[in-house]
Amino acid sequence: MQDRYLYLARHGEATSEEGGLTEGGRRQAELLGRRLHEVPLTAVHHGPLPRAAQTARLIAEQVSGVPLRECETAGDYVPYVPDRGELPSEIADAMLSRLGSVSAAERTHGAELARRAVADFTGPVEHGDAPRHDLVVTHAFLVAWLVRAALDAPPWRWMSLTHGNAALTVIRYAEARPATVLVYNDVSHLPDELRWTGFPPQLRTP
C-alpha cells in the first residue's frame, strides 16, 4: 500500500452559480497552480460546471503534463441531509432551513455521489512505487464532506465547514493510520485582495 495525498481546492471566484470565473478568480487559479507546481500530481480531477472546469484548466497550465479528468463526483451537490434528531436542538431549525429546497431526488443522488467520491478519492492506494498525489478542483460542499470524513465526524458536521475560493486543503491517507488533515482552507498563496472571496464576512480572519 502507498500513501495518498489528496489536495482539495474550491474553484476560483465565479461570475455566477452557472458561469465561469471572474478576472480575480482566474488569477486565484493561476496562483494556486504556481503553488502546486512542484507537487508530483497524478491527475487534476474537476467537476463539470464551468467555474470548476476553468479553474482546473488554469491550474493545469502551471503544472504541465498532468492530465485533466472531469468527473461528476467532483461536482456541486449536497452530500448529506440530516434528520432533525441528528442535530443539536438549538441549531436544528437554522441548519435544516438551509437545505429546505433540496428535493428527495437531489438528496438521493447527492448521497450516492458523495459515497462514490469517498471511494474514488480517499484512502491509501493499493498499487504503485511511490505516494500518490491527486488534486480535486470542486465546490465547497464536497471539500467539507471529505474533511468531515477524514476526521470521522458525524455526517451532519459537513454543514459547519466553509471553504474559500482557490483555498487549499491537503489530507494524507496512510496504511494503518487515521486520515490526517495536513492543511485546511489555506490561502497563503493569494495576495490580500484575493483572499476570502466566497467566504462569509463574519468568518474571515486577518
Protein backbone atom coordinates (compact mmCIF):
# COMPACT_ATOMS: atom_id res chain seq x y z
CA MET A 1 0.00 0.00 0.00
CA GLN A 2 1.16 3.52 -0.77
CA ASP A 3 0.22 6.80 0.88
CA ARG A 4 -2.22 9.09 -0.88
CA TYR A 5 -2.08 12.88 -0.61
CA LEU A 6 -5.39 14.43 -1.56
CA TYR A 7 -5.30 18.12 -2.50
CA LEU A 8 -8.71 19.75 -2.42
CA ALA A 9 -9.40 23.15 -3.93
CA ARG A 10 -12.61 25.07 -4.31
CA HIS A 11 -12.98 26.77 -7.69
CA GLY A 12 -11.93 30.39 -8.09
CA GLU A 13 -14.31 33.32 -7.69
CA ALA A 14 -17.12 32.97 -10.25
CA THR A 15 -19.38 35.38 -12.11
CA SER A 16 -22.46 33.34 -11.10
CA GLU A 17 -23.53 29.88 -9.98
CA GLU A 18 -23.53 28.64 -13.58
CA GLY A 19 -20.88 30.96 -15.02
CA GLY A 20 -17.13 30.96 -15.42
CA LEU A 21 -14.51 32.81 -13.40
CA THR A 22 -14.13 36.49 -12.74
CA GLU A 23 -10.81 38.13 -13.50
CA GLY A 24 -9.94 37.71 -9.83
CA GLY A 25 -10.98 34.07 -9.97
CA ARG A 26 -8.68 33.41 -12.91
CA ARG A 27 -5.81 35.00 -11.02
CA GLN A 28 -6.60 32.87 -7.96
CA ALA A 29 -6.46 29.71 -10.07
CA GLU A 30 -3.14 30.67 -11.64
CA LEU A 31 -1.58 31.38 -8.26
CA LEU A 32 -2.83 28.09 -6.85
CA GLY A 33 -1.31 26.32 -9.85
CA ARG A 34 2.03 28.00 -9.19
CA ARG A 35 1.89 26.85 -5.58
CA LEU A 36 1.35 23.27 -6.73
CA HIS A 37 3.99 23.41 -9.46
CA GLU A 38 6.47 21.18 -7.61
CA VAL A 39 3.88 18.64 -6.44
CA PRO A 40 4.11 15.35 -8.42
CA LEU A 41 0.41 15.32 -9.23
CA THR A 42 -1.03 12.20 -10.81
CA ALA A 43 -4.13 13.96 -12.12
CA VAL A 44 -6.29 17.05 -11.78
CA HIS A 45 -9.88 15.94 -11.26
CA HIS A 46 -12.64 18.53 -11.60
CA GLY A 47 -16.38 18.90 -11.64
CA PRO A 48 -18.33 19.59 -14.85
CA LEU A 49 -19.54 23.14 -14.11
CA PRO A 50 -17.70 25.99 -15.89
CA ARG A 51 -16.23 27.55 -12.75
CA ALA A 52 -14.58 24.28 -11.68
CA ALA A 53 -13.51 23.25 -15.18
CA GLN A 54 -11.93 26.64 -15.91
CA THR A 55 -10.13 26.66 -12.55
CA ALA A 56 -8.72 23.20 -13.26
CA ARG A 57 -7.50 24.21 -16.72
CA LEU A 58 -5.71 27.27 -15.37
CA ILE A 59 -4.06 25.21 -12.64
CA ALA A 60 -3.04 22.56 -15.18
CA GLU A 61 -1.25 25.21 -17.24
CA GLN A 62 1.07 25.74 -14.27
CA VAL A 63 1.67 22.02 -13.67
CA SER A 64 2.41 20.87 -17.19
CA GLY A 65 1.97 17.25 -18.17
CA VAL A 66 -0.71 16.43 -15.60
CA PRO A 67 -3.92 15.05 -17.15
CA LEU A 68 -7.28 16.74 -16.58
CA ARG A 69 -10.16 14.43 -15.68
CA GLU A 70 -13.74 15.68 -15.48
CA CYS A 71 -15.97 13.66 -13.18
CA GLU A 72 -19.46 14.01 -11.75
CA THR A 73 -18.28 13.05 -8.28
CA ALA A 74 -16.28 16.30 -8.11
CA GLY A 75 -19.38 18.32 -8.94
CA ASP A 76 -21.65 20.65 -6.99
CA TYR A 77 -24.21 18.73 -4.93
CA VAL A 78 -25.50 18.36 -1.39
CA PRO A 79 -23.73 15.27 0.02
CA TYR A 80 -25.96 14.64 3.01
CA VAL A 81 -29.17 15.98 4.54
CA PRO A 82 -29.52 15.12 8.23
CA ASP A 83 -32.66 14.23 10.10
CA ARG A 84 -33.70 16.65 12.82
CA GLY A 85 -32.84 14.11 15.50
CA GLU A 86 -29.18 14.13 14.46
CA LEU A 87 -28.77 17.82 15.19
CA PRO A 88 -28.37 19.68 18.47
CA SER A 89 -31.81 21.13 19.24
CA GLU A 90 -30.57 24.72 19.46
CA ILE A 91 -29.33 24.75 15.86
CA ALA A 92 -31.69 22.29 14.16
CA ASP A 93 -34.12 24.86 12.71
CA ALA A 94 -31.38 27.05 11.27
CA MET A 95 -29.43 24.15 9.79
CA LEU A 96 -32.43 22.44 8.22
CA SER A 97 -33.77 25.68 6.74
CA ARG A 98 -30.59 25.93 4.67
CA LEU A 99 -31.44 22.65 2.96
CA GLY A 100 -35.20 23.06 2.70
CA SER A 101 -35.17 23.41 -1.09
CA VAL A 102 -33.25 20.17 -1.69
CA SER A 103 -35.62 17.66 -3.31
CA ALA A 104 -35.85 13.99 -2.41
CA ALA A 105 -34.26 13.08 -5.74
CA GLU A 106 -31.39 15.51 -5.15
CA ARG A 107 -30.83 14.05 -1.69
CA THR A 108 -30.59 10.52 -3.04
CA HIS A 109 -28.35 11.48 -5.95
CA GLY A 110 -26.10 13.65 -3.79
CA ALA A 111 -25.65 10.91 -1.22
CA GLU A 112 -24.65 8.44 -3.93
CA LEU A 113 -22.17 10.88 -5.48
CA ALA A 114 -20.69 11.56 -2.03
CA ARG A 115 -20.27 7.83 -1.42
CA ARG A 116 -18.52 7.45 -4.77
CA ALA A 117 -16.29 10.47 -4.12
CA VAL A 118 -15.04 8.90 -0.90
CA ALA A 119 -14.37 5.64 -2.75
CA ASP A 120 -12.63 7.38 -5.68
CA PHE A 121 -10.50 9.98 -3.92
CA THR A 122 -9.68 8.81 -0.41
CA GLY A 123 -7.67 6.12 1.34
CA PRO A 124 -4.20 4.72 0.63
CA VAL A 125 -3.63 3.24 -2.82
CA GLU A 126 -3.13 -0.47 -3.38
CA HIS A 127 -0.53 -0.29 -6.12
CA GLY A 128 2.40 1.90 -7.07
CA ASP A 129 6.02 2.52 -6.23
CA ALA A 130 5.57 5.96 -4.68
CA PRO A 131 2.93 8.01 -2.82
CA ARG A 132 0.05 9.22 -4.98
CA HIS A 133 -0.83 12.91 -5.22
CA ASP A 134 -4.29 13.83 -6.52
CA LEU A 135 -5.84 17.27 -6.92
CA VAL A 136 -9.64 17.62 -6.91
CA VAL A 137 -10.98 21.01 -8.04
CA THR A 138 -14.51 21.10 -6.75
CA HIS A 139 -17.03 23.06 -4.68
CA ALA A 140 -17.32 23.97 -1.02
CA PHE A 141 -19.78 21.20 -0.13
CA LEU A 142 -17.56 18.33 -1.30
CA VAL A 143 -14.48 19.80 0.39
CA ALA A 144 -16.47 19.95 3.62
CA TRP A 145 -17.74 16.39 3.19
CA LEU A 146 -14.29 14.91 2.62
CA VAL A 147 -12.76 16.82 5.53
CA ARG A 148 -15.60 15.64 7.75
CA ALA A 149 -14.99 12.07 6.62
CA ALA A 150 -11.25 12.35 7.29
CA LEU A 151 -11.99 13.49 10.84
CA ASP A 152 -14.60 10.75 11.32
CA ALA A 153 -17.06 13.43 12.45
CA PRO A 154 -20.85 12.92 12.42
CA PRO A 155 -22.28 13.22 8.89
CA TRP A 156 -24.12 16.50 9.57
CA ARG A 157 -20.88 18.27 10.53
CA TRP A 158 -20.06 18.95 6.89
CA MET A 159 -22.53 21.83 7.21
CA SER A 160 -20.25 23.62 9.69
CA LEU A 161 -17.23 23.81 7.34
CA THR A 162 -16.68 26.61 4.84
CA HIS A 163 -14.03 26.87 2.13
CA GLY A 164 -12.79 30.00 0.37
CA ASN A 165 -12.29 30.32 -3.37
CA ALA A 166 -9.00 28.74 -4.50
CA ALA A 167 -8.16 27.82 -0.91
CA LEU A 168 -6.18 24.63 -0.44
CA THR A 169 -6.80 21.64 1.82
CA VAL A 170 -4.48 18.62 1.97
CA ILE A 171 -5.34 15.24 3.50
CA ARG A 172 -2.93 12.32 3.90
CA TYR A 173 -4.09 8.71 3.88
CA ALA A 174 -1.66 6.01 5.02
CA GLU A 175 -1.98 2.32 5.78
CA ALA A 176 -2.86 1.51 9.40
CA ARG A 177 -3.12 5.18 10.31
CA PRO A 178 -6.08 7.54 10.60
CA ALA A 179 -6.53 10.11 7.85
CA THR A 180 -4.61 13.29 8.66
CA VAL A 181 -5.74 16.78 7.66
CA LEU A 182 -2.40 18.48 6.99
CA VAL A 183 -3.68 21.80 5.64
CA TYR A 184 -7.17 23.30 5.75
CA ASN A 185 -8.55 26.31 3.87
CA ASP A 186 -5.07 27.72 3.30
CA VAL A 187 -4.94 30.93 1.23
CA SER A 188 -1.28 31.83 1.80
CA HIS A 189 -0.63 31.65 -1.97
CA LEU A 190 -3.09 34.50 -2.57
CA PRO A 191 -2.46 38.23 -2.06
CA ASP A 192 -4.67 40.03 0.46
CA GLU A 193 -7.10 41.36 -2.15
CA LEU A 194 -7.82 37.85 -3.47
CA ARG A 195 -8.28 36.12 -0.13
CA TRP A 196 -11.59 35.15 1.47
CA THR A 197 -13.79 35.54 -1.60
CA GLY A 198 -16.71 33.15 -1.29
CA PHE A 199 -16.34 33.17 2.49
CA PRO A 200 -18.88 34.74 4.89
CA PRO A 201 -17.53 38.13 6.07
CA GLN A 202 -18.10 37.29 9.74
CA LEU A 203 -15.82 34.23 9.44
CA ARG A 204 -12.86 35.94 7.80
CA THR A 205 -9.63 36.31 9.71
CA PRO A 206 -6.68 38.65 9.14
